[in-house]
Amino acid sequence: MEFPDNLHYTKEHEWVRLEDDGTVLMGITDYAQDALGDIVYVELPVVSDEPVTKDEPFAVVESVKAVSDIYVPISGEITEVNDELPNSPEVLNQDCYGDGWLVRLKPSDTEEFEELLSAKDYQSFIDELS
């Protein structure tokens, strides 16, 4: 399992990365994609001026094992979605921290970052699940 240090994590197995332009890139963790198995379908939100709220479901990932909601780790406005994923959902299994990102978001409350887990804390959380 990979736990890149430059990311923040949630206990729902999403990751976020603060970009240089102030936006946040989001995806699911290595643990999540591994637990789901072969991902066969991804439903992403549309880019909209409507804000999304922390902890609300915003996307769906379907695998051969299960259908899972993906939750917003940081409140804000979705500015971009990864248009490649609906056509190539297997990218989530192959490169969940790179080409398998889900959405880009403009955060509305940067203090919410303080509620996210560091790589070390997330790894400890995963160890407790095992």
N, C-alpha and C. Protein backbone atom coordinates (compact mmCIF):
# COMPACT_ATOMS: atom_id res chain seq x y z
N MET A 1 0.83 -1.19 0.00
CA MET A 1 0.00 0.00 0.00
C MET A 1 0.88 1.25 0.00
N GLU A 2 0.44 2.22 -0.76
CA GLU A 2 1.15 3.49 -0.81
C GLU A 2 0.38 4.55 -0.01
N PHE A 3 1.14 5.40 0.69
CA PHE A 3 0.59 6.51 1.47
C PHE A 3 1.46 7.74 1.22
N PRO A 4 1.34 8.37 0.05
CA PRO A 4 2.21 9.52 -0.26
C PRO A 4 2.11 10.62 0.81
N ASP A 5 3.28 11.14 1.20
CA ASP A 5 3.35 12.16 2.25
C ASP A 5 2.77 13.51 1.84
N ASN A 6 2.68 13.78 0.53
CA ASN A 6 2.20 15.09 0.08
C ASN A 6 0.68 15.17 0.00
N LEU A 7 -0.01 14.15 0.50
CA LEU A 7 -1.47 14.13 0.47
C LEU A 7 -2.05 14.16 1.87
N HIS A 8 -3.32 14.55 1.95
CA HIS A 8 -4.09 14.45 3.18
C HIS A 8 -5.19 13.42 2.92
N TYR A 9 -5.67 12.76 3.98
CA TYR A 9 -6.57 11.63 3.82
C TYR A 9 -7.79 11.75 4.72
N THR A 10 -8.84 10.98 4.36
CA THR A 10 -10.03 10.88 5.20
C THR A 10 -10.18 9.44 5.67
N LYS A 11 -10.98 9.24 6.69
CA LYS A 11 -11.26 7.89 7.16
C LYS A 11 -12.22 7.16 6.21
N GLU A 12 -12.76 7.88 5.23
CA GLU A 12 -13.61 7.26 4.20
C GLU A 12 -12.76 6.88 2.99
N HIS A 13 -11.44 7.05 3.08
CA HIS A 13 -10.47 6.60 2.08
C HIS A 13 -10.42 7.47 0.83
N GLU A 14 -10.58 8.78 1.02
CA GLU A 14 -10.32 9.74 -0.05
C GLU A 14 -9.01 10.45 0.27
N TRP A 15 -8.37 10.96 -0.77
CA TRP A 15 -7.17 11.77 -0.58
C TRP A 15 -7.39 13.14 -1.22
N VAL A 16 -6.67 14.13 -0.71
CA VAL A 16 -6.69 15.48 -1.29
C VAL A 16 -5.25 16.00 -1.37
N ARG A 17 -5.01 16.78 -2.39
CA ARG A 17 -3.69 17.42 -2.54
C ARG A 17 -3.92 18.88 -2.89
N LEU A 18 -3.34 19.76 -2.08
CA LEU A 18 -3.41 21.19 -2.34
C LEU A 18 -2.44 21.53 -3.45
N GLU A 19 -2.94 22.13 -4.52
CA GLU A 19 -2.13 22.49 -5.67
C GLU A 19 -1.58 23.90 -5.51
N ASP A 20 -0.58 24.25 -6.31
CA ASP A 20 0.05 25.57 -6.24
C ASP A 20 -0.92 26.71 -6.52
N ASP A 21 -1.97 26.43 -7.32
CA ASP A 21 -2.93 27.48 -7.67
C ASP A 21 -4.04 27.64 -6.63
N GLY A 22 -3.95 26.90 -5.51
CA GLY A 22 -4.94 27.02 -4.45
C GLY A 22 -6.12 26.06 -4.60
N THR A 23 -6.17 25.31 -5.71
CA THR A 23 -7.22 24.32 -5.86
C THR A 23 -6.80 23.02 -5.17
N VAL A 24 -7.75 22.12 -5.06
CA VAL A 24 -7.52 20.84 -4.41
C VAL A 24 -7.87 19.72 -5.39
N LEU A 25 -6.95 18.80 -5.58
CA LEU A 25 -7.20 17.62 -6.39
C LEU A 25 -7.64 16.51 -5.44
N MET A 26 -8.65 15.71 -5.84
CA MET A 26 -9.18 14.65 -4.97
C MET A 26 -9.24 13.33 -5.69
N GLY A 27 -9.14 12.26 -4.90
CA GLY A 27 -9.28 10.91 -5.44
C GLY A 27 -9.52 9.92 -4.33
N ILE A 28 -9.47 8.63 -4.68
CA ILE A 28 -9.60 7.58 -3.67
C ILE A 28 -8.22 6.98 -3.42
N THR A 29 -8.04 6.44 -2.23
CA THR A 29 -6.73 5.94 -1.82
C THR A 29 -6.42 4.56 -2.41
N ASP A 30 -5.16 4.20 -2.29
CA ASP A 30 -4.70 2.89 -2.70
C ASP A 30 -5.46 1.80 -1.94
N TYR A 31 -5.69 2.03 -0.67
CA TYR A 31 -6.45 1.08 0.15
C TYR A 31 -7.86 0.90 -0.42
N ALA A 32 -8.51 2.01 -0.77
CA ALA A 32 -9.88 1.95 -1.30
C ALA A 32 -9.95 1.19 -2.61
N GLN A 33 -9.04 1.52 -3.54
CA GLN A 33 -9.10 0.85 -4.83
C GLN A 33 -8.78 -0.64 -4.68
N ASP A 34 -7.89 -0.98 -3.76
CA ASP A 34 -7.56 -2.38 -3.54
C ASP A 34 -8.74 -3.13 -2.92
N ALA A 35 -9.40 -2.51 -1.96
CA ALA A 35 -10.55 -3.14 -1.31
C ALA A 35 -11.72 -3.32 -2.27
N LEU A 36 -11.89 -2.36 -3.18
CA LEU A 36 -12.98 -2.45 -4.15
C LEU A 36 -12.74 -3.53 -5.20
N GLY A 37 -11.50 -3.76 -5.54
CA GLY A 37 -11.21 -4.71 -6.62
C GLY A 37 -11.27 -4.00 -7.96
N ASP A 38 -11.51 -4.76 -9.02
CA ASP A 38 -11.51 -4.19 -10.37
C ASP A 38 -12.65 -3.20 -10.54
N ILE A 39 -12.30 -1.93 -10.75
CA ILE A 39 -13.30 -0.88 -10.91
C ILE A 39 -13.78 -0.87 -12.36
N VAL A 40 -15.12 -0.90 -12.51
CA VAL A 40 -15.72 -1.03 -13.84
C VAL A 40 -16.57 0.18 -14.25
N TYR A 41 -16.86 1.07 -13.28
CA TYR A 41 -17.72 2.21 -13.60
C TYR A 41 -17.44 3.34 -12.62
N VAL A 42 -17.42 4.56 -13.15
CA VAL A 42 -17.23 5.76 -12.32
C VAL A 42 -18.26 6.79 -12.75
N GLU A 43 -19.00 7.32 -11.79
CA GLU A 43 -19.95 8.40 -12.04
C GLU A 43 -19.46 9.63 -11.31
N LEU A 44 -19.12 10.66 -12.08
CA LEU A 44 -18.59 11.89 -11.50
C LEU A 44 -19.63 13.00 -11.57
N PRO A 45 -19.51 14.00 -10.71
CA PRO A 45 -20.43 15.14 -10.77
C PRO A 45 -20.13 16.02 -11.98
N VAL A 46 -20.99 16.97 -12.23
CA VAL A 46 -20.74 17.95 -13.29
C VAL A 46 -20.08 19.17 -12.67
N VAL A 47 -19.30 19.88 -13.47
CA VAL A 47 -18.72 21.13 -13.03
C VAL A 47 -19.86 22.13 -12.86
N SER A 48 -19.90 22.79 -11.72
CA SER A 48 -21.04 23.67 -11.42
C SER A 48 -20.62 24.75 -10.44
N ASP A 49 -21.37 25.84 -10.46
CA ASP A 49 -21.18 26.90 -9.48
C ASP A 49 -21.77 26.52 -8.12
N GLU A 50 -22.55 25.45 -8.09
CA GLU A 50 -23.17 25.01 -6.84
C GLU A 50 -22.11 24.43 -5.92
N PRO A 51 -22.04 24.89 -4.69
CA PRO A 51 -21.02 24.36 -3.77
C PRO A 51 -21.33 22.93 -3.34
N VAL A 52 -20.27 22.20 -3.05
CA VAL A 52 -20.39 20.88 -2.44
C VAL A 52 -19.95 20.99 -0.99
N THR A 53 -20.54 20.16 -0.15
CA THR A 53 -20.30 20.26 1.28
C THR A 53 -19.52 19.06 1.79
N LYS A 54 -18.57 19.34 2.65
CA LYS A 54 -17.74 18.30 3.26
C LYS A 54 -18.63 17.16 3.78
N ASP A 55 -18.17 15.93 3.53
CA ASP A 55 -18.81 14.69 3.99
C ASP A 55 -20.07 14.31 3.22
N GLU A 56 -20.43 15.07 2.19
CA GLU A 56 -21.58 14.70 1.35
C GLU A 56 -21.10 13.82 0.20
N PRO A 57 -21.91 12.84 -0.24
CA PRO A 57 -21.50 12.04 -1.40
C PRO A 57 -21.50 12.90 -2.66
N PHE A 58 -20.50 12.70 -3.54
CA PHE A 58 -20.44 13.49 -4.76
C PHE A 58 -20.13 12.65 -6.00
N ALA A 59 -19.73 11.39 -5.80
CA ALA A 59 -19.40 10.52 -6.92
C ALA A 59 -19.70 9.08 -6.52
N VAL A 60 -19.74 8.21 -7.53
CA VAL A 60 -19.98 6.78 -7.29
C VAL A 60 -18.93 5.98 -8.05
N VAL A 61 -18.39 4.98 -7.38
CA VAL A 61 -17.44 4.06 -8.00
C VAL A 61 -18.03 2.66 -7.87
N GLU A 62 -18.08 1.95 -8.99
CA GLU A 62 -18.60 0.59 -8.99
C GLU A 62 -17.50 -0.37 -9.40
N SER A 63 -17.38 -1.45 -8.64
CA SER A 63 -16.39 -2.48 -8.95
C SER A 63 -17.10 -3.81 -9.12
N VAL A 64 -16.33 -4.83 -9.39
CA VAL A 64 -16.92 -6.16 -9.50
C VAL A 64 -17.43 -6.64 -8.14
N LYS A 65 -16.99 -6.01 -7.05
CA LYS A 65 -17.38 -6.40 -5.70
C LYS A 65 -18.51 -5.54 -5.11
N ALA A 66 -18.50 -4.24 -5.40
CA ALA A 66 -19.40 -3.33 -4.68
C ALA A 66 -19.61 -2.02 -5.42
N VAL A 67 -20.64 -1.29 -4.97
CA VAL A 67 -20.87 0.08 -5.41
C VAL A 67 -20.62 0.97 -4.19
N SER A 68 -19.78 2.00 -4.35
CA SER A 68 -19.42 2.85 -3.22
C SER A 68 -19.60 4.32 -3.55
N ASP A 69 -20.20 5.03 -2.60
CA ASP A 69 -20.25 6.49 -2.69
C ASP A 69 -18.88 7.03 -2.33
N ILE A 70 -18.51 8.15 -2.97
CA ILE A 70 -17.28 8.88 -2.65
C ILE A 70 -17.72 10.20 -2.03
N TYR A 71 -17.10 10.57 -0.93
CA TYR A 71 -17.52 11.74 -0.16
C TYR A 71 -16.57 12.91 -0.35
N VAL A 72 -17.13 14.10 -0.26
CA VAL A 72 -16.35 15.33 -0.40
C VAL A 72 -15.53 15.53 0.88
N PRO A 73 -14.20 15.55 0.77
CA PRO A 73 -13.37 15.75 1.96
C PRO A 73 -13.21 17.21 2.36
N ILE A 74 -13.43 18.13 1.41
CA ILE A 74 -13.26 19.57 1.64
C ILE A 74 -14.42 20.29 0.95
N SER A 75 -15.09 21.18 1.63
CA SER A 75 -16.18 21.95 1.02
C SER A 75 -15.64 22.90 -0.03
N GLY A 76 -16.43 23.17 -1.05
CA GLY A 76 -16.01 24.10 -2.08
C GLY A 76 -16.82 23.97 -3.35
N GLU A 77 -16.20 24.35 -4.44
CA GLU A 77 -16.85 24.36 -5.75
C GLU A 77 -16.03 23.49 -6.71
N ILE A 78 -16.66 22.54 -7.35
CA ILE A 78 -15.97 21.66 -8.30
C ILE A 78 -15.69 22.45 -9.57
N THR A 79 -14.41 22.55 -9.92
CA THR A 79 -14.00 23.33 -11.08
C THR A 79 -13.60 22.47 -12.27
N GLU A 80 -13.34 21.17 -12.01
CA GLU A 80 -12.93 20.27 -13.08
C GLU A 80 -13.19 18.83 -12.65
N VAL A 81 -13.57 18.00 -13.62
CA VAL A 81 -13.69 16.56 -13.36
C VAL A 81 -12.75 15.83 -14.31
N ASN A 82 -12.34 14.65 -13.93
CA ASN A 82 -11.45 13.84 -14.75
C ASN A 82 -12.31 13.12 -15.80
N ASP A 83 -12.46 13.73 -16.96
CA ASP A 83 -13.33 13.22 -18.02
C ASP A 83 -12.89 11.87 -18.57
N GLU A 84 -11.65 11.45 -18.30
CA GLU A 84 -11.15 10.18 -18.81
C GLU A 84 -11.70 8.99 -18.03
N LEU A 85 -12.04 9.19 -16.75
CA LEU A 85 -12.42 8.07 -15.90
C LEU A 85 -13.69 7.33 -16.33
N PRO A 86 -14.76 8.01 -16.74
CA PRO A 86 -15.93 7.24 -17.15
C PRO A 86 -15.65 6.28 -18.30
N ASN A 87 -14.73 6.64 -19.19
CA ASN A 87 -14.38 5.77 -20.31
C ASN A 87 -13.30 4.75 -19.95
N SER A 88 -12.50 5.04 -18.92
CA SER A 88 -11.40 4.16 -18.50
C SER A 88 -11.36 4.05 -16.98
N PRO A 89 -12.39 3.46 -16.37
CA PRO A 89 -12.43 3.41 -14.90
C PRO A 89 -11.30 2.60 -14.28
N GLU A 90 -10.68 1.72 -15.06
CA GLU A 90 -9.58 0.90 -14.54
C GLU A 90 -8.37 1.74 -14.15
N VAL A 91 -8.31 2.99 -14.61
CA VAL A 91 -7.21 3.88 -14.23
C VAL A 91 -7.18 4.08 -12.71
N LEU A 92 -8.34 4.01 -12.06
CA LEU A 92 -8.37 4.12 -10.60
C LEU A 92 -7.57 3.00 -9.95
N ASN A 93 -7.62 1.80 -10.52
CA ASN A 93 -6.82 0.69 -9.99
C ASN A 93 -5.35 0.84 -10.33
N GLN A 94 -5.06 1.39 -11.50
CA GLN A 94 -3.68 1.46 -11.99
C GLN A 94 -2.89 2.63 -11.41
N ASP A 95 -3.55 3.77 -11.18
CA ASP A 95 -2.83 4.99 -10.79
C ASP A 95 -3.74 5.91 -9.98
N CYS A 96 -4.17 5.43 -8.80
CA CYS A 96 -5.16 6.19 -8.02
C CYS A 96 -4.65 7.54 -7.54
N TYR A 97 -3.33 7.71 -7.40
CA TYR A 97 -2.78 8.99 -6.94
C TYR A 97 -2.31 9.89 -8.08
N GLY A 98 -2.41 9.42 -9.29
CA GLY A 98 -1.96 10.19 -10.45
C GLY A 98 -3.10 10.41 -11.43
N ASP A 99 -3.08 9.66 -12.53
CA ASP A 99 -4.10 9.83 -13.58
C ASP A 99 -5.50 9.46 -13.10
N GLY A 100 -5.60 8.80 -11.95
CA GLY A 100 -6.90 8.39 -11.43
C GLY A 100 -7.57 9.40 -10.50
N TRP A 101 -7.12 10.66 -10.52
CA TRP A 101 -7.78 11.69 -9.71
C TRP A 101 -9.24 11.81 -10.17
N LEU A 102 -10.11 12.27 -9.27
CA LEU A 102 -11.54 12.37 -9.58
C LEU A 102 -11.96 13.78 -9.97
N VAL A 103 -11.75 14.74 -9.07
CA VAL A 103 -12.18 16.11 -9.32
C VAL A 103 -11.16 17.11 -8.80
N ARG A 104 -11.26 18.31 -9.33
CA ARG A 104 -10.51 19.47 -8.82
C ARG A 104 -11.55 20.40 -8.21
N LEU A 105 -11.21 20.95 -7.06
CA LEU A 105 -12.16 21.75 -6.31
C LEU A 105 -11.50 23.04 -5.83
N LYS A 106 -12.25 24.10 -5.83
CA LYS A 106 -11.81 25.37 -5.23
C LYS A 106 -12.37 25.37 -3.81
N PRO A 107 -11.51 25.22 -2.79
CA PRO A 107 -12.01 25.10 -1.41
C PRO A 107 -12.62 26.40 -0.90
N SER A 108 -13.68 26.23 -0.10
CA SER A 108 -14.33 27.41 0.49
C SER A 108 -13.91 27.61 1.94
N ASP A 109 -13.35 26.58 2.56
CA ASP A 109 -12.95 26.68 3.96
C ASP A 109 -11.65 25.91 4.16
N THR A 110 -10.52 26.59 4.05
CA THR A 110 -9.23 25.91 4.15
C THR A 110 -8.96 25.37 5.55
N GLU A 111 -9.71 25.81 6.55
CA GLU A 111 -9.55 25.27 7.90
C GLU A 111 -9.94 23.80 7.97
N GLU A 112 -10.73 23.34 6.99
CA GLU A 112 -11.13 21.93 6.96
C GLU A 112 -9.93 21.01 6.74
N PHE A 113 -8.84 21.54 6.19
CA PHE A 113 -7.63 20.73 6.01
C PHE A 113 -7.13 20.20 7.35
N GLU A 114 -7.33 20.97 8.41
CA GLU A 114 -6.86 20.57 9.73
C GLU A 114 -7.55 19.31 10.24
N GLU A 115 -8.73 19.01 9.68
CA GLU A 115 -9.49 17.83 10.10
C GLU A 115 -9.05 16.57 9.35
N LEU A 116 -8.24 16.72 8.32
CA LEU A 116 -7.80 15.58 7.52
C LEU A 116 -6.61 14.89 8.17
N LEU A 117 -6.36 13.66 7.76
CA LEU A 117 -5.28 12.86 8.32
C LEU A 117 -4.00 13.05 7.51
N SER A 118 -2.87 13.02 8.18
CA SER A 118 -1.57 12.98 7.51
C SER A 118 -1.38 11.56 6.97
N ALA A 119 -0.36 11.37 6.15
CA ALA A 119 -0.06 10.04 5.61
C ALA A 119 0.22 9.06 6.76
N LYS A 120 0.97 9.50 7.74
CA LYS A 120 1.31 8.64 8.88
C LYS A 120 0.05 8.27 9.67
N ASP A 121 -0.82 9.25 9.92
CA ASP A 121 -2.05 8.98 10.67
C ASP A 121 -2.99 8.08 9.88
N TYR A 122 -3.05 8.28 8.57
CA TYR A 122 -3.91 7.43 7.75
C TYR A 122 -3.38 5.99 7.75
N GLN A 123 -2.07 5.84 7.63
CA GLN A 123 -1.48 4.51 7.64
C GLN A 123 -1.78 3.80 8.98
N SER A 124 -1.70 4.53 10.08
CA SER A 124 -2.03 3.97 11.39
C SER A 124 -3.49 3.55 11.44
N PHE A 125 -4.37 4.38 10.86
CA PHE A 125 -5.79 4.06 10.79
C PHE A 125 -6.02 2.77 10.01
N ILE A 126 -5.35 2.62 8.88
CA ILE A 126 -5.46 1.40 8.05
C ILE A 126 -4.94 0.19 8.82
N ASP A 127 -3.85 0.36 9.53
CA ASP A 127 -3.29 -0.75 10.31
C ASP A 127 -4.29 -1.24 11.36
N GLU A 128 -5.04 -0.29 11.95
CA GLU A 128 -6.05 -0.66 12.96
C GLU A 128 -7.20 -1.44 12.33
N LEU A 129 -7.49 -1.22 11.05
CA LEU A 129 -8.57 -1.92 10.38
C LEU A 129 -8.22 -3.38 10.11
N SER A 130 -6.95 -3.65 10.03
CA SER A 130 -6.50 -5.01 9.66
C SER A 130 -6.54 -5.97 10.83
